């Protein structure tokens, strides 16, 4: 078994319970309309960043879309 010992400059792993403000805002949404509006915004941003070939931003928009769909499933709504 191998153990890695971090050096003093390494950053700790974020807690799995930490979320960024946008994720928290999405998870607090309670209406289909709010979630649909947020998903439409994420789709527009995805297309914008895809045109600029910004892989980091594309990954972020994909994650936000997944969180929006997760929240929609939690409250029992279908998004288009």
N, C-alpha and C. Protein backbone atom coordinates (compact mmCIF):
# COMPACT_ATOMS: atom_id res chain seq x y z
N UNK A 1 0.85 -1.17 0.00
CA UNK A 1 0.00 0.00 0.00
C UNK A 1 0.89 1.23 0.00
N UNK A 2 0.54 2.23 -0.80
CA UNK A 2 1.32 3.44 -0.91
C UNK A 2 0.54 4.60 -0.33
N UNK A 3 1.22 5.40 0.46
CA UNK A 3 0.59 6.60 1.02
C UNK A 3 1.29 7.82 0.46
N UNK A 4 0.51 8.81 0.07
CA UNK A 4 1.08 10.06 -0.40
C UNK A 4 1.03 11.07 0.73
N UNK A 5 2.15 11.70 0.97
CA UNK A 5 2.22 12.72 2.01
C UNK A 5 2.25 14.07 1.32
N UNK A 6 1.24 14.92 1.56
CA UNK A 6 1.19 16.22 0.88
C UNK A 6 2.29 17.14 1.41
N UNK A 7 2.75 18.02 0.53
CA UNK A 7 3.73 19.00 1.00
C UNK A 7 2.99 20.20 1.59
N UNK A 8 3.74 21.12 2.14
CA UNK A 8 3.10 22.24 2.85
C UNK A 8 2.37 23.19 1.92
N UNK A 9 2.62 23.10 0.61
CA UNK A 9 1.96 24.00 -0.34
C UNK A 9 0.67 23.41 -0.92
N UNK A 10 0.38 22.17 -0.62
CA UNK A 10 -0.81 21.55 -1.21
C UNK A 10 -2.07 22.07 -0.53
N UNK A 11 -3.12 22.08 -1.29
CA UNK A 11 -4.41 22.53 -0.77
C UNK A 11 -5.20 21.32 -0.29
N UNK A 12 -5.94 21.47 0.80
CA UNK A 12 -6.76 20.34 1.26
C UNK A 12 -7.89 20.07 0.27
N UNK A 13 -8.32 18.84 0.24
CA UNK A 13 -9.47 18.51 -0.60
C UNK A 13 -10.71 19.19 -0.03
N UNK A 14 -11.55 19.73 -0.89
CA UNK A 14 -12.76 20.36 -0.37
C UNK A 14 -13.68 19.32 0.27
N UNK A 15 -14.39 19.74 1.25
CA UNK A 15 -15.35 18.85 1.90
C UNK A 15 -16.43 18.48 0.90
N UNK A 16 -16.90 17.24 0.91
CA UNK A 16 -17.99 16.89 -0.01
C UNK A 16 -19.29 17.63 0.33
N UNK A 17 -19.31 18.26 1.50
CA UNK A 17 -20.50 19.01 1.90
C UNK A 17 -20.42 20.48 1.49
N UNK A 18 -19.26 20.92 1.01
CA UNK A 18 -19.11 22.29 0.54
C UNK A 18 -19.74 22.41 -0.84
N UNK A 19 -20.47 23.46 -1.04
CA UNK A 19 -21.02 23.74 -2.37
C UNK A 19 -20.77 25.20 -2.68
N UNK A 20 -20.75 25.51 -3.95
CA UNK A 20 -20.59 26.91 -4.29
C UNK A 20 -21.96 27.58 -4.25
N UNK A 21 -21.98 28.90 -4.22
CA UNK A 21 -23.27 29.61 -4.08
C UNK A 21 -24.28 29.30 -5.18
N UNK A 22 -23.81 29.09 -6.40
CA UNK A 22 -24.74 28.80 -7.50
C UNK A 22 -25.40 27.44 -7.27
N UNK A 23 -24.62 26.45 -6.86
CA UNK A 23 -25.19 25.13 -6.59
C UNK A 23 -26.19 25.21 -5.45
N UNK A 24 -25.87 25.96 -4.42
CA UNK A 24 -26.79 26.11 -3.29
C UNK A 24 -28.08 26.78 -3.74
N UNK A 25 -27.95 27.78 -4.59
CA UNK A 25 -29.13 28.48 -5.10
C UNK A 25 -30.02 27.53 -5.91
N UNK A 26 -29.40 26.71 -6.75
CA UNK A 26 -30.17 25.75 -7.54
C UNK A 26 -30.88 24.76 -6.62
N UNK A 27 -30.18 24.24 -5.64
CA UNK A 27 -30.77 23.25 -4.75
C UNK A 27 -31.89 23.82 -3.88
N UNK A 28 -31.94 25.15 -3.77
CA UNK A 28 -33.01 25.79 -3.00
C UNK A 28 -34.25 26.09 -3.86
N UNK A 29 -34.14 25.93 -5.16
CA UNK A 29 -35.28 26.23 -6.05
C UNK A 29 -36.39 25.21 -5.83
N UNK A 30 -37.62 25.70 -5.88
CA UNK A 30 -38.76 24.84 -5.59
C UNK A 30 -39.82 24.81 -6.70
N UNK A 31 -39.60 25.57 -7.78
CA UNK A 31 -40.60 25.57 -8.84
C UNK A 31 -40.00 25.11 -10.16
N UNK A 32 -40.84 24.50 -10.96
CA UNK A 32 -40.42 24.05 -12.29
C UNK A 32 -39.96 25.24 -13.13
N UNK A 33 -40.66 26.35 -13.00
CA UNK A 33 -40.34 27.53 -13.79
C UNK A 33 -38.94 28.05 -13.49
N UNK A 34 -38.59 28.12 -12.21
CA UNK A 34 -37.25 28.58 -11.83
C UNK A 34 -36.17 27.65 -12.37
N UNK A 35 -36.40 26.35 -12.22
CA UNK A 35 -35.42 25.37 -12.70
C UNK A 35 -35.30 25.41 -14.22
N UNK A 36 -36.42 25.55 -14.91
CA UNK A 36 -36.39 25.59 -16.37
C UNK A 36 -35.64 26.84 -16.85
N UNK A 37 -35.88 27.96 -16.20
CA UNK A 37 -35.20 29.20 -16.56
C UNK A 37 -33.68 29.05 -16.34
N UNK A 38 -33.30 28.44 -15.25
CA UNK A 38 -31.87 28.23 -14.96
C UNK A 38 -31.26 27.27 -15.99
N UNK A 39 -31.98 26.22 -16.35
CA UNK A 39 -31.48 25.26 -17.34
C UNK A 39 -31.33 25.94 -18.70
N UNK A 40 -32.27 26.78 -19.08
CA UNK A 40 -32.16 27.50 -20.35
C UNK A 40 -30.92 28.40 -20.35
N UNK A 41 -30.64 29.03 -19.23
CA UNK A 41 -29.47 29.89 -19.10
C UNK A 41 -28.18 29.07 -19.22
N UNK A 42 -28.15 27.91 -18.56
CA UNK A 42 -26.98 27.03 -18.62
C UNK A 42 -26.76 26.56 -20.06
N UNK A 43 -27.83 26.22 -20.75
CA UNK A 43 -27.69 25.78 -22.15
C UNK A 43 -27.10 26.88 -23.03
N UNK A 44 -27.57 28.11 -22.82
CA UNK A 44 -27.04 29.24 -23.60
C UNK A 44 -25.55 29.45 -23.29
N UNK A 45 -25.20 29.37 -22.02
CA UNK A 45 -23.79 29.53 -21.64
C UNK A 45 -22.93 28.40 -22.21
N UNK A 46 -23.47 27.18 -22.19
CA UNK A 46 -22.75 26.03 -22.74
C UNK A 46 -22.40 26.28 -24.21
N UNK A 47 -23.39 26.73 -24.96
CA UNK A 47 -23.17 26.98 -26.38
C UNK A 47 -22.15 28.10 -26.59
N UNK A 48 -22.21 29.13 -25.75
CA UNK A 48 -21.26 30.24 -25.86
C UNK A 48 -19.84 29.74 -25.61
N UNK A 49 -19.65 28.96 -24.55
CA UNK A 49 -18.30 28.48 -24.21
C UNK A 49 -17.84 27.41 -25.18
N UNK A 50 -18.76 26.64 -25.73
CA UNK A 50 -18.39 25.64 -26.72
C UNK A 50 -17.83 26.31 -27.97
N UNK A 51 -18.43 27.42 -28.34
CA UNK A 51 -17.95 28.17 -29.51
C UNK A 51 -16.54 28.70 -29.27
N UNK A 52 -16.21 28.98 -28.01
CA UNK A 52 -14.86 29.48 -27.68
C UNK A 52 -13.92 28.34 -27.29
N UNK A 53 -14.42 27.11 -27.30
CA UNK A 53 -13.65 25.91 -26.98
C UNK A 53 -12.99 26.01 -25.60
N UNK A 54 -13.76 26.50 -24.63
CA UNK A 54 -13.27 26.62 -23.25
C UNK A 54 -13.74 25.38 -22.47
N UNK A 55 -12.87 24.38 -22.36
CA UNK A 55 -13.26 23.10 -21.76
C UNK A 55 -13.62 23.23 -20.29
N UNK A 56 -12.96 24.10 -19.57
CA UNK A 56 -13.28 24.28 -18.15
C UNK A 56 -14.69 24.82 -17.98
N UNK A 57 -15.04 25.82 -18.76
CA UNK A 57 -16.38 26.40 -18.67
C UNK A 57 -17.44 25.41 -19.15
N UNK A 58 -17.12 24.64 -20.16
CA UNK A 58 -18.06 23.62 -20.65
C UNK A 58 -18.33 22.60 -19.56
N UNK A 59 -17.27 22.16 -18.88
CA UNK A 59 -17.43 21.20 -17.78
C UNK A 59 -18.29 21.78 -16.67
N UNK A 60 -18.08 23.05 -16.36
CA UNK A 60 -18.86 23.71 -15.31
C UNK A 60 -20.34 23.77 -15.69
N UNK A 61 -20.63 24.12 -16.94
CA UNK A 61 -22.02 24.21 -17.37
C UNK A 61 -22.67 22.83 -17.37
N UNK A 62 -21.92 21.81 -17.73
CA UNK A 62 -22.45 20.44 -17.69
C UNK A 62 -22.79 20.05 -16.27
N UNK A 63 -21.91 20.37 -15.33
CA UNK A 63 -22.17 20.07 -13.91
C UNK A 63 -23.41 20.81 -13.41
N UNK A 64 -23.55 22.06 -13.78
CA UNK A 64 -24.74 22.81 -13.36
C UNK A 64 -26.01 22.20 -13.93
N UNK A 65 -25.97 21.76 -15.17
CA UNK A 65 -27.14 21.11 -15.78
C UNK A 65 -27.49 19.84 -15.02
N UNK A 66 -26.48 19.08 -14.61
CA UNK A 66 -26.72 17.86 -13.84
C UNK A 66 -27.37 18.19 -12.50
N UNK A 67 -26.92 19.24 -11.85
CA UNK A 67 -27.48 19.64 -10.56
C UNK A 67 -28.92 20.10 -10.74
N UNK A 68 -29.19 20.82 -11.81
CA UNK A 68 -30.57 21.28 -12.07
C UNK A 68 -31.48 20.07 -12.27
N UNK A 69 -31.04 19.09 -13.04
CA UNK A 69 -31.87 17.90 -13.26
C UNK A 69 -32.03 17.09 -11.96
N UNK A 70 -30.99 17.04 -11.15
CA UNK A 70 -31.09 16.37 -9.85
C UNK A 70 -32.17 17.05 -9.00
N UNK A 71 -32.14 18.37 -8.94
CA UNK A 71 -33.13 19.10 -8.14
C UNK A 71 -34.53 18.89 -8.71
N UNK A 72 -34.66 18.90 -10.02
CA UNK A 72 -35.97 18.68 -10.63
C UNK A 72 -36.50 17.30 -10.24
N UNK A 73 -35.65 16.30 -10.26
CA UNK A 73 -36.07 14.96 -9.86
C UNK A 73 -36.47 14.92 -8.40
N UNK A 74 -35.75 15.65 -7.56
CA UNK A 74 -36.06 15.67 -6.13
C UNK A 74 -37.44 16.25 -5.86
N UNK A 75 -37.84 17.26 -6.65
CA UNK A 75 -39.15 17.88 -6.40
C UNK A 75 -40.22 17.34 -7.34
N UNK A 76 -39.85 16.34 -8.17
CA UNK A 76 -40.83 15.64 -8.99
C UNK A 76 -41.32 16.38 -10.20
N UNK A 77 -40.44 17.13 -10.87
CA UNK A 77 -40.84 17.82 -12.10
C UNK A 77 -39.96 17.39 -13.26
N UNK A 78 -40.51 17.49 -14.47
CA UNK A 78 -39.78 17.18 -15.69
C UNK A 78 -39.42 18.49 -16.38
N UNK A 79 -38.17 18.59 -16.82
CA UNK A 79 -37.72 19.77 -17.56
C UNK A 79 -37.55 19.42 -19.01
N UNK A 80 -37.68 20.43 -19.87
CA UNK A 80 -37.52 20.21 -21.31
C UNK A 80 -36.25 20.84 -21.81
